[in-house]
Amino acid sequence: MIRVQPAKTRFVDIHHVDWDLKWSIQFPEVITSMNGVTMMWQKICPQWTRTGDNAWAYEWQTTPEYIKEQLAYRQKDPSGRVIRHNFITGLVLRASLSGLEDRVELTLTLTNQSSARFYDVVSDGGCLQAKSSDFLDQDEVKRSCIMVNGKPESMGDLHRTMEIRTAYHADLMDYEKEWVNRSAWFWGRSNTAIDRPAILGAVSHDRSRAIALGYECATSALQNADGHHCLHSRPLFGNIEPGQSVTRRGCIRFGSEFPALAKRLGKLLDRPDT
């Protein structure tokens, strides 16, 4: 059984009861578009509502007060330059997740309540972080996997410009998009074109357990082996017209082998991008 429980901070705790192993997730961490940034997580502690047994949801939107708090946060790139983001209002988020026997189901819905079109909207899908020693540290990049040409590949065998972390895209031209370039100094890049939807995961030190993460319409993925130990599958919402709502489903699966988990996720999530 997988239990999910919102923490008193911005994280949701995930507990695999049978394994007695834990993860946490910021759900989601980022929402951005060609228009600007809707969400970054530094100041968000959502008001969760229980929607069923082992299921939770919240609604949230960017406010002027939130933007003011975010603008006070000073993030710098390696050269010392302050990173400045263009925060915008207009998108409303509804996020829900539920813990089931062998998986966590994730749903993100964005509604455009403005009078303007939002272009090329994308979310990081949530920052899924390992919290148990079975999955942490030693050979973490090597034990992280992603689907490429229909096959699971160890990230340790794939090109990346940063040893500790990287961003992967299904279309390598996406690296030239403005919303990607905003964080390129941190995430780097890879010359490997991954499958879409983007499905990635990790295996335990003893290779007896595995986790897989994916979203429908996900065109990119992130993996970070620093203190976050995190994985992201990033769903693309595309252009969102005034009054329109767009939903993306995701899933975290747990099992003994990553290839089997990824195959099941692929069948569940594969549908034409809309």
C-alpha atoms as a PDB file:
ATOM      1  CA  MET A   1       0.000   0.000   0.000  1.00  0.00           C
ATOM      2  CA  ILE A   2       1.193   3.523  -0.849  1.00  0.00           C
ATOM      3  CA  ARG A   3       0.184   6.193   1.659  1.00  0.00           C
ATOM      4  CA  VAL A   4       0.271   9.895   0.812  1.00  0.00           C
ATOM      5  CA  GLN A   5       0.073  12.668   3.402  1.00  0.00           C
ATOM      6  CA  PRO A   6       0.546  16.415   2.901  1.00  0.00           C
ATOM      7  CA  ALA A   7       3.196  17.726   5.283  1.00  0.00           C
ATOM      8  CA  LYS A   8       3.038  21.012   7.156  1.00  0.00           C
ATOM      9  CA  THR A   9       5.454  22.396   4.582  1.00  0.00           C
ATOM     10  CA  ARG A  10       5.086  22.484   0.784  1.00  0.00           C
ATOM     11  CA  PHE A  11       5.846  18.745   0.465  1.00  0.00           C
ATOM     12  CA  VAL A  12       3.650  15.646   0.320  1.00  0.00           C
ATOM     13  CA  ASP A  13       5.051  12.550   2.044  1.00  0.00           C
ATOM     14  CA  ILE A  14       4.849   9.246   0.168  1.00  0.00           C
ATOM     15  CA  HIS A  15       5.280   6.037   2.165  1.00  0.00           C
ATOM     16  CA  HIS A  16       5.543   2.588   0.592  1.00  0.00           C
ATOM     17  CA  VAL A  17       4.210   0.658   3.573  1.00  0.00           C
ATOM     18  CA  ASP A  18       5.352  -2.839   2.533  1.00  0.00           C
ATOM     19  CA  TRP A  19       8.868  -1.668   1.737  1.00  0.00           C
ATOM     20  CA  ASP A  20       8.930   0.856   4.601  1.00  0.00           C
ATOM     21  CA  LEU A  21      10.587   3.342   2.234  1.00  0.00           C
ATOM     22  CA  LYS A  22       9.756   7.023   1.812  1.00  0.00           C
ATOM     23  CA  TRP A  23       9.730   9.722  -0.840  1.00  0.00           C
ATOM     24  CA  SER A  24       8.386  13.262  -0.908  1.00  0.00           C
ATOM     25  CA  ILE A  25       7.059  15.410  -3.713  1.00  0.00           C
ATOM     26  CA  GLN A  26       6.520  19.105  -4.358  1.00  0.00           C
ATOM     27  CA  PHE A  27       3.382  18.893  -6.447  1.00  0.00           C
ATOM     28  CA  PRO A  28       4.048  20.651  -8.730  1.00  0.00           C
ATOM     29  CA  GLU A  29       7.154  22.774  -8.245  1.00  0.00           C
ATOM     30  CA  VAL A  30       7.053  24.970 -11.353  1.00  0.00           C
ATOM     31  CA  ILE A  31       4.530  26.166 -13.944  1.00  0.00           C
ATOM     32  CA  THR A  32       5.842  28.366 -16.734  1.00  0.00           C
ATOM     33  CA  SER A  33       5.063  29.473 -20.287  1.00  0.00           C
ATOM     34  CA  MET A  34       6.225  31.795 -23.002  1.00  0.00           C
ATOM     35  CA  ASN A  35       4.159  34.486 -21.239  1.00  0.00           C
ATOM     36  CA  GLY A  36       6.077  34.168 -17.969  1.00  0.00           C
ATOM     37  CA  VAL A  37       6.202  32.239 -14.703  1.00  0.00           C
ATOM     38  CA  THR A  38       3.011  31.190 -12.919  1.00  0.00           C
ATOM     39  CA  MET A  39       4.476  29.147 -10.052  1.00  0.00           C
ATOM     40  CA  MET A  40       7.769  28.670  -8.293  1.00  0.00           C
ATOM     41  CA  TRP A  41       7.693  26.919  -4.956  1.00  0.00           C
ATOM     42  CA  GLN A  42       9.720  28.997  -2.498  1.00  0.00           C
ATOM     43  CA  LYS A  43       6.709  30.583  -0.746  1.00  0.00           C
ATOM     44  CA  ILE A  44       3.825  28.135  -1.360  1.00  0.00           C
ATOM     45  CA  CYS A  45       2.140  26.018   1.315  1.00  0.00           C
ATOM     46  CA  PRO A  46      -1.171  24.975  -0.286  1.00  0.00           C
ATOM     47  CA  GLN A  47      -4.376  24.310   1.610  1.00  0.00           C
ATOM     48  CA  TRP A  48      -5.015  20.631   1.026  1.00  0.00           C
ATOM     49  CA  THR A  49      -8.479  19.062   1.142  1.00  0.00           C
ATOM     50  CA  ARG A  50      -9.113  15.354   1.613  1.00  0.00           C
ATOM     51  CA  THR A  51     -11.127  14.126  -1.376  1.00  0.00           C
ATOM     52  CA  GLY A  52     -11.300  10.432  -0.516  1.00  0.00           C
ATOM     53  CA  ASP A  53      -9.491   7.637   1.253  1.00  0.00           C
ATOM     54  CA  ASN A  54      -5.774   8.378   0.818  1.00  0.00           C
ATOM     55  CA  ALA A  55      -6.543  11.152  -1.707  1.00  0.00           C
ATOM     56  CA  TRP A  56      -5.871  14.893  -1.505  1.00  0.00           C
ATOM     57  CA  ALA A  57      -6.322  18.005  -3.641  1.00  0.00           C
ATOM     58  CA  TYR A  58      -5.861  21.775  -3.610  1.00  0.00           C
ATOM     59  CA  GLU A  59      -6.545  24.798  -5.807  1.00  0.00           C
ATOM     60  CA  TRP A  60      -4.143  27.703  -6.221  1.00  0.00           C
ATOM     61  CA  GLN A  61      -3.535  30.756  -8.387  1.00  0.00           C
ATOM     62  CA  THR A  62      -0.884  33.422  -8.681  1.00  0.00           C
ATOM     63  CA  THR A  63      -1.701  36.572  -6.722  1.00  0.00           C
ATOM     64  CA  PRO A  64      -0.008  39.979  -6.518  1.00  0.00           C
ATOM     65  CA  GLU A  65       0.984  39.135  -2.932  1.00  0.00           C
ATOM     66  CA  TYR A  66       2.644  35.912  -4.077  1.00  0.00           C
ATOM     67  CA  ILE A  67       4.532  37.741  -6.845  1.00  0.00           C
ATOM     68  CA  LYS A  68       5.786  40.305  -4.326  1.00  0.00           C
ATOM     69  CA  GLU A  69       7.133  37.514  -2.111  1.00  0.00           C
ATOM     70  CA  GLN A  70       8.794  35.805  -5.054  1.00  0.00           C
ATOM     71  CA  LEU A  71      10.484  38.969  -6.272  1.00  0.00           C
ATOM     72  CA  ALA A  72      12.099  39.293  -2.845  1.00  0.00           C
ATOM     73  CA  TYR A  73      13.773  35.908  -3.365  1.00  0.00           C
ATOM     74  CA  ARG A  74      17.224  36.419  -4.880  1.00  0.00           C
ATOM     75  CA  GLN A  75      18.545  33.400  -6.776  1.00  0.00           C
ATOM     76  CA  LYS A  76      21.930  33.751  -8.470  1.00  0.00           C
ATOM     77  CA  ASP A  77      23.598  31.863 -11.299  1.00  0.00           C
ATOM     78  CA  PRO A  78      27.236  30.658 -11.013  1.00  0.00           C
ATOM     79  CA  SER A  79      28.536  34.025 -12.238  1.00  0.00           C
ATOM     80  CA  GLY A  80      26.718  35.809  -9.413  1.00  0.00           C
ATOM     81  CA  ARG A  81      24.074  37.345 -11.670  1.00  0.00           C
ATOM     82  CA  VAL A  82      20.643  37.612 -10.024  1.00  0.00           C
ATOM     83  CA  ILE A  83      18.032  35.492 -11.819  1.00  0.00           C
ATOM     84  CA  ARG A  84      14.948  37.579 -12.510  1.00  0.00           C
ATOM     85  CA  HIS A  85      11.642  36.012 -13.512  1.00  0.00           C
ATOM     86  CA  ASN A  86       8.603  37.591 -15.133  1.00  0.00           C
ATOM     87  CA  PHE A  87       5.700  36.454 -12.927  1.00  0.00           C
ATOM     88  CA  ILE A  88       2.191  36.628 -14.358  1.00  0.00           C
ATOM     89  CA  THR A  89      -1.373  36.019 -13.176  1.00  0.00           C
ATOM     90  CA  GLY A  90      -4.267  34.320 -14.946  1.00  0.00           C
ATOM     91  CA  LEU A  91      -3.773  30.558 -14.639  1.00  0.00           C
ATOM     92  CA  VAL A  92      -5.571  28.606 -11.917  1.00  0.00           C
ATOM     93  CA  LEU A  93      -4.189  25.240 -10.807  1.00  0.00           C
ATOM     94  CA  ARG A  94      -6.054  22.266  -9.410  1.00  0.00           C
ATOM     95  CA  ALA A  95      -3.729  19.493  -8.240  1.00  0.00           C
ATOM     96  CA  SER A  96      -4.822  16.113  -6.875  1.00  0.00           C
ATOM     97  CA  LEU A  97      -3.078  12.887  -5.947  1.00  0.00           C
ATOM     98  CA  SER A  98      -4.106   9.547  -4.494  1.00  0.00           C
ATOM     99  CA  GLY A  99      -2.176   6.615  -3.071  1.00  0.00           C
ATOM    100  CA  LEU A 100      -3.195   3.157  -4.263  1.00  0.00           C
ATOM    101  CA  GLU A 101      -1.853  -0.378  -3.869  1.00  0.00           C
ATOM    102  CA  ASP A 102       1.228  -0.050  -6.081  1.00  0.00           C
ATOM    103  CA  ARG A 103       1.180   3.522  -7.343  1.00  0.00           C
ATOM    104  CA  VAL A 104       0.393   7.185  -6.801  1.00  0.00           C
ATOM    105  CA  GLU A 105      -1.915   8.763  -9.353  1.00  0.00           C
ATOM    106  CA  LEU A 106      -1.350  12.460 -10.132  1.00  0.00           C
ATOM    107  CA  THR A 107      -3.600  14.969 -11.879  1.00  0.00           C
ATOM    108  CA  LEU A 108      -2.835  18.580 -12.814  1.00  0.00           C
ATOM    109  CA  THR A 109      -5.488  20.853 -14.333  1.00  0.00           C
ATOM    110  CA  LEU A 110      -4.764  24.406 -15.497  1.00  0.00           C
ATOM    111  CA  THR A 111      -7.573  26.861 -16.273  1.00  0.00           C
ATOM    112  CA  ASN A 112      -6.989  30.143 -18.047  1.00  0.00           C
ATOM    113  CA  GLN A 113      -9.098  32.761 -16.275  1.00  0.00           C
ATOM    114  CA  SER A 114      -7.517  35.677 -18.112  1.00  0.00           C
ATOM    115  CA  SER A 115      -8.518  37.305 -21.385  1.00  0.00           C
ATOM    116  CA  ALA A 116      -5.213  36.401 -23.068  1.00  0.00           C
ATOM    117  CA  ARG A 117      -3.878  33.176 -24.552  1.00  0.00           C
ATOM    118  CA  PHE A 118      -1.102  31.394 -22.633  1.00  0.00           C
ATOM    119  CA  TYR A 119       1.546  30.012 -24.983  1.00  0.00           C
ATOM    120  CA  ASP A 120       3.588  26.823 -24.596  1.00  0.00           C
ATOM    121  CA  VAL A 121       2.576  26.136 -20.979  1.00  0.00           C
ATOM    122  CA  VAL A 122       4.639  23.476 -19.205  1.00  0.00           C
ATOM    123  CA  SER A 123       4.943  22.177 -15.643  1.00  0.00           C
ATOM    124  CA  ASP A 124       7.765  20.300 -13.969  1.00  0.00           C
ATOM    125  CA  GLY A 125       5.099  17.792 -12.852  1.00  0.00           C
ATOM    126  CA  GLY A 126       6.420  17.748  -9.298  1.00  0.00           C
ATOM    127  CA  CYS A 127       9.804  17.289  -7.650  1.00  0.00           C
ATOM    128  CA  LEU A 128       9.904  13.614  -6.579  1.00  0.00           C
ATOM    129  CA  GLN A 129      12.640  13.128  -3.995  1.00  0.00           C
ATOM    130  CA  ALA A 130      13.929   9.866  -2.527  1.00  0.00           C
ATOM    131  CA  LYS A 131      14.140   9.929   1.276  1.00  0.00           C
ATOM    132  CA  SER A 132      15.408   6.401   2.021  1.00  0.00           C
ATOM    133  CA  SER A 133      19.003   5.180   1.934  1.00  0.00           C
ATOM    134  CA  ASP A 134      18.085   2.297  -0.392  1.00  0.00           C
ATOM    135  CA  PHE A 135      17.852   4.783  -3.293  1.00  0.00           C
ATOM    136  CA  LEU A 136      20.228   7.596  -2.298  1.00  0.00           C
ATOM    137  CA  ASP A 137      23.792   8.629  -3.125  1.00  0.00           C
ATOM    138  CA  GLN A 138      26.231   5.979  -4.424  1.00  0.00           C
ATOM    139  CA  ASP A 139      25.917   5.518  -8.198  1.00  0.00           C
ATOM    140  CA  GLU A 140      22.706   7.547  -8.170  1.00  0.00           C
ATOM    141  CA  VAL A 141      23.064   8.742 -11.773  1.00  0.00           C
ATOM    142  CA  LYS A 142      23.942   5.233 -12.937  1.00  0.00           C
ATOM    143  CA  ARG A 143      20.875   3.848 -11.157  1.00  0.00           C
ATOM    144  CA  SER A 144      18.589   6.463 -12.701  1.00  0.00           C
ATOM    145  CA  CYS A 145      16.851   5.339 -15.898  1.00  0.00           C
ATOM    146  CA  ILE A 146      14.933   6.914 -18.766  1.00  0.00           C
ATOM    147  CA  MET A 147      13.166   5.560 -21.839  1.00  0.00           C
ATOM    148  CA  VAL A 148      14.968   6.119 -25.154  1.00  0.00           C
ATOM    149  CA  ASN A 149      13.814   4.536 -28.440  1.00  0.00           C
ATOM    150  CA  GLY A 150      11.491   2.233 -26.556  1.00  0.00           C
ATOM    151  CA  LYS A 151      14.204   0.905 -24.250  1.00  0.00           C
ATOM    152  CA  PRO A 152      15.279   1.762 -20.700  1.00  0.00           C
ATOM    153  CA  GLU A 153      18.681   3.431 -20.574  1.00  0.00           C
ATOM    154  CA  SER A 154      20.892   4.181 -17.585  1.00  0.00           C
ATOM    155  CA  MET A 155      21.476   7.914 -17.348  1.00  0.00           C
ATOM    156  CA  GLY A 156      25.084   7.127 -16.508  1.00  0.00           C
ATOM    157  CA  ASP A 157      25.503   5.920 -20.097  1.00  0.00           C
ATOM    158  CA  LEU A 158      23.936   8.993 -21.722  1.00  0.00           C
ATOM    159  CA  HIS A 159      25.486  12.328 -22.633  1.00  0.00           C
ATOM    160  CA  ARG A 160      25.026  15.206 -20.163  1.00  0.00           C
ATOM    161  CA  THR A 161      26.778  18.535 -19.782  1.00  0.00           C
ATOM    162  CA  MET A 162      26.533  18.428 -15.982  1.00  0.00           C
ATOM    163  CA  GLU A 163      27.648  15.378 -14.063  1.00  0.00           C
ATOM    164  CA  ILE A 164      25.264  15.813 -11.125  1.00  0.00           C
ATOM    165  CA  ARG A 165      22.065  16.761 -12.989  1.00  0.00           C
ATOM    166  CA  THR A 166      20.557  17.215 -16.427  1.00  0.00           C
ATOM    167  CA  ALA A 167      17.482  18.039 -18.478  1.00  0.00           C
ATOM    168  CA  TYR A 168      16.359  15.635 -21.216  1.00  0.00           C
ATOM    169  CA  HIS A 169      14.057  16.527 -24.127  1.00  0.00           C
ATOM    170  CA  ALA A 170      12.205  14.482 -26.721  1.00  0.00           C
ATOM    171  CA  ASP A 171      12.830  17.215 -29.306  1.00  0.00           C
ATOM    172  CA  LEU A 172      16.368  18.571 -29.028  1.00  0.00           C
ATOM    173  CA  MET A 173      15.220  21.857 -30.582  1.00  0.00           C
ATOM    174  CA  ASP A 174      13.334  22.517 -27.330  1.00  0.00           C
ATOM    175  CA  TYR A 175      16.644  23.469 -25.723  1.00  0.00           C
ATOM    176  CA  GLU A 176      16.407  26.689 -27.727  1.00  0.00           C
ATOM    177  CA  LYS A 177      13.009  27.663 -26.290  1.00  0.00           C
ATOM    178  CA  GLU A 178      12.971  30.641 -23.972  1.00  0.00           C
ATOM    179  CA  TRP A 179      11.339  28.810 -21.031  1.00  0.00           C
ATOM    180  CA  VAL A 180      14.056  26.139 -21.248  1.00  0.00           C
ATOM    181  CA  ASN A 181      16.863  28.679 -21.420  1.00  0.00           C
ATOM    182  CA  ARG A 182      15.669  30.307 -18.208  1.00  0.00           C
ATOM    183  CA  SER A 183      17.027  27.353 -16.233  1.00  0.00           C
ATOM    184  CA  ALA A 184      19.709  26.032 -18.594  1.00  0.00           C
ATOM    185  CA  TRP A 185      22.485  27.407 -16.352  1.00  0.00           C
ATOM    186  CA  PHE A 186      21.298  25.018 -13.627  1.00  0.00           C
ATOM    187  CA  TRP A 187      20.012  21.942 -15.487  1.00  0.00           C
ATOM    188  CA  GLY A 188      22.398  21.730 -18.422  1.00  0.00           C
ATOM    189  CA  ARG A 189      21.439  19.528 -21.358  1.00  0.00           C
ATOM    190  CA  SER A 190      21.882  16.207 -23.120  1.00  0.00           C
ATOM    191  CA  ASN A 191      22.260  15.325 -26.798  1.00  0.00           C
ATOM    192  CA  THR A 192      20.030  12.256 -26.256  1.00  0.00           C
ATOM    193  CA  ALA A 193      16.465  12.584 -27.554  1.00  0.00           C
ATOM    194  CA  ILE A 194      14.206  10.749 -25.095  1.00  0.00           C
ATOM    195  CA  ASP A 195      10.839   9.113 -25.737  1.00  0.00           C
ATOM    196  CA  ARG A 196       7.536  10.930 -25.302  1.00  0.00           C
ATOM    197  CA  PRO A 197       5.782  10.716 -22.990  1.00  0.00           C
ATOM    198  CA  ALA A 198       8.880  11.139 -20.829  1.00  0.00           C
ATOM    199  CA  ILE A 199       9.161   8.174 -18.435  1.00  0.00           C
ATOM    200  CA  LEU A 200      12.046   7.965 -15.991  1.00  0.00           C
ATOM    201  CA  GLY A 201      12.858   6.362 -12.669  1.00  0.00           C
ATOM    202  CA  ALA A 202      15.458   4.746 -10.436  1.00  0.00           C
ATOM    203  CA  VAL A 203      16.456   1.378  -9.012  1.00  0.00           C
ATOM    204  CA  SER A 204      17.647   0.590  -5.492  1.00  0.00           C
ATOM    205  CA  HIS A 205      21.258  -0.192  -4.598  1.00  0.00           C
ATOM    206  CA  ASP A 206      20.575  -3.932  -4.564  1.00  0.00           C
ATOM    207  CA  ARG A 207      18.515  -3.718  -7.799  1.00  0.00           C
ATOM    208  CA  SER A 208      15.554  -5.432  -6.093  1.00  0.00           C
ATOM    209  CA  ARG A 209      13.211  -2.426  -6.172  1.00  0.00           C
ATOM    210  CA  ALA A 210      12.351   0.257  -8.696  1.00  0.00           C
ATOM    211  CA  ILE A 211      10.264   3.367  -9.143  1.00  0.00           C
ATOM    212  CA  ALA A 212       8.976   4.940 -12.362  1.00  0.00           C
ATOM    213  CA  LEU A 213       7.438   8.365 -12.995  1.00  0.00           C
ATOM    214  CA  GLY A 214       5.628   9.701 -16.039  1.00  0.00           C
ATOM    215  CA  TYR A 215       2.980  12.114 -17.314  1.00  0.00           C
ATOM    216  CA  GLU A 216       0.905  12.037 -20.445  1.00  0.00           C
ATOM    217  CA  CYS A 217       2.119  14.591 -23.013  1.00  0.00           C
ATOM    218  CA  ALA A 218       5.431  14.938 -21.140  1.00  0.00           C
ATOM    219  CA  THR A 219       8.063  16.140 -23.583  1.00  0.00           C
ATOM    220  CA  SER A 220      10.983  16.491 -21.179  1.00  0.00           C
ATOM    221  CA  ALA A 221      12.413  15.179 -17.919  1.00  0.00           C
ATOM    222  CA  LEU A 222      14.850  16.190 -15.181  1.00  0.00           C
ATOM    223  CA  GLN A 223      17.143  14.234 -12.869  1.00  0.00           C
ATOM    224  CA  ASN A 224      19.192  15.726 -10.036  1.00  0.00           C
ATOM    225  CA  ALA A 225      21.641  13.794  -7.850  1.00  0.00           C
ATOM    226  CA  ASP A 226      22.557  16.622  -5.489  1.00  0.00           C
ATOM    227  CA  GLY A 227      20.941  16.890  -2.040  1.00  0.00           C
ATOM    228  CA  HIS A 228      17.476  16.832  -3.648  1.00  0.00           C
ATOM    229  CA  HIS A 229      17.828  13.320  -5.180  1.00  0.00           C
ATOM    230  CA  CYS A 230      14.932  14.255  -7.464  1.00  0.00           C
ATOM    231  CA  LEU A 231      13.158  13.172 -10.633  1.00  0.00           C
ATOM    232  CA  HIS A 232      10.697  15.127 -12.813  1.00  0.00           C
ATOM    233  CA  SER A 233       8.503  14.203 -15.782  1.00  0.00           C
ATOM    234  CA  ARG A 234       7.381  17.495 -17.350  1.00  0.00           C
ATOM    235  CA  PRO A 235       3.920  17.565 -18.980  1.00  0.00           C
ATOM    236  CA  LEU A 236       3.314  20.016 -21.791  1.00  0.00           C
ATOM    237  CA  PHE A 237      -0.069  21.778 -21.631  1.00  0.00           C
ATOM    238  CA  GLY A 238       0.456  23.648 -24.887  1.00  0.00           C
ATOM    239  CA  ASN A 239      -1.456  26.841 -25.660  1.00  0.00           C
ATOM    240  CA  ILE A 240      -4.353  27.519 -23.277  1.00  0.00           C
ATOM    241  CA  GLU A 241      -7.100  29.803 -24.545  1.00  0.00           C
ATOM    242  CA  PRO A 242      -9.139  32.174 -22.328  1.00  0.00           C
ATOM    243  CA  GLY A 243     -11.662  30.105 -20.372  1.00  0.00           C
ATOM    244  CA  GLN A 244     -10.047  26.794 -21.389  1.00  0.00           C
ATOM    245  CA  SER A 245      -8.975  24.048 -18.970  1.00  0.00           C
ATOM    246  CA  VAL A 246      -6.288  21.473 -19.782  1.00  0.00           C
ATOM    247  CA  THR A 247      -5.621  18.361 -17.680  1.00  0.00           C
ATOM    248  CA  ARG A 248      -2.553  16.131 -17.564  1.00  0.00           C
ATOM    249  CA  ARG A 249      -2.465  12.798 -15.746  1.00  0.00           C
ATOM    250  CA  GLY A 250       0.669  11.342 -14.215  1.00  0.00           C
ATOM    251  CA  CYS A 251       1.644   8.307 -12.215  1.00  0.00           C
ATOM    252  CA  ILE A 252       4.377   7.057  -9.882  1.00  0.00           C
ATOM    253  CA  ARG A 253       4.683   3.260  -9.982  1.00  0.00           C
ATOM    254  CA  PHE A 254       6.585   0.975  -7.641  1.00  0.00           C
ATOM    255  CA  GLY A 255       7.825  -2.549  -8.381  1.00  0.00           C
ATOM    256  CA  SER A 256      10.803  -4.838  -8.785  1.00  0.00           C
ATOM    257  CA  GLU A 257      12.072  -3.790 -12.248  1.00  0.00           C
ATOM    258  CA  PHE A 258      12.123  -0.449 -14.041  1.00  0.00           C
ATOM    259  CA  PRO A 259      11.552  -1.846 -17.579  1.00  0.00           C
ATOM    260  CA  ALA A 260       8.267  -3.494 -16.582  1.00  0.00           C
ATOM    261  CA  LEU A 261       7.101  -0.393 -14.722  1.00  0.00           C
ATOM    262  CA  ALA A 262       7.989   1.880 -17.641  1.00  0.00           C
ATOM    263  CA  LYS A 263       6.176  -0.376 -20.124  1.00  0.00           C
ATOM    264  CA  ARG A 264       2.984  -0.277 -18.055  1.00  0.00           C
ATOM    265  CA  LEU A 265       3.245   3.478 -17.664  1.00  0.00           C
ATOM    266  CA  GLY A 266       3.804   3.924 -21.378  1.00  0.00           C
ATOM    267  CA  LYS A 267       0.575   2.077 -22.211  1.00  0.00           C
ATOM    268  CA  LEU A 268      -1.342   4.102 -19.631  1.00  0.00           C
ATOM    269  CA  LEU A 269      -0.036   7.534 -20.610  1.00  0.00           C
ATOM    270  CA  ASP A 270       0.532   7.348 -24.352  1.00  0.00           C
ATOM    271  CA  ARG A 271      -1.993   9.483 -26.233  1.00  0.00           C
ATOM    272  CA  PRO A 272      -1.736  12.209 -28.865  1.00  0.00           C
ATOM    273  CA  ASP A 273      -0.505  15.521 -27.477  1.00  0.00           C
ATOM    274  CA  THR A 274      -3.285  18.079 -27.362  1.00  0.00           C
END
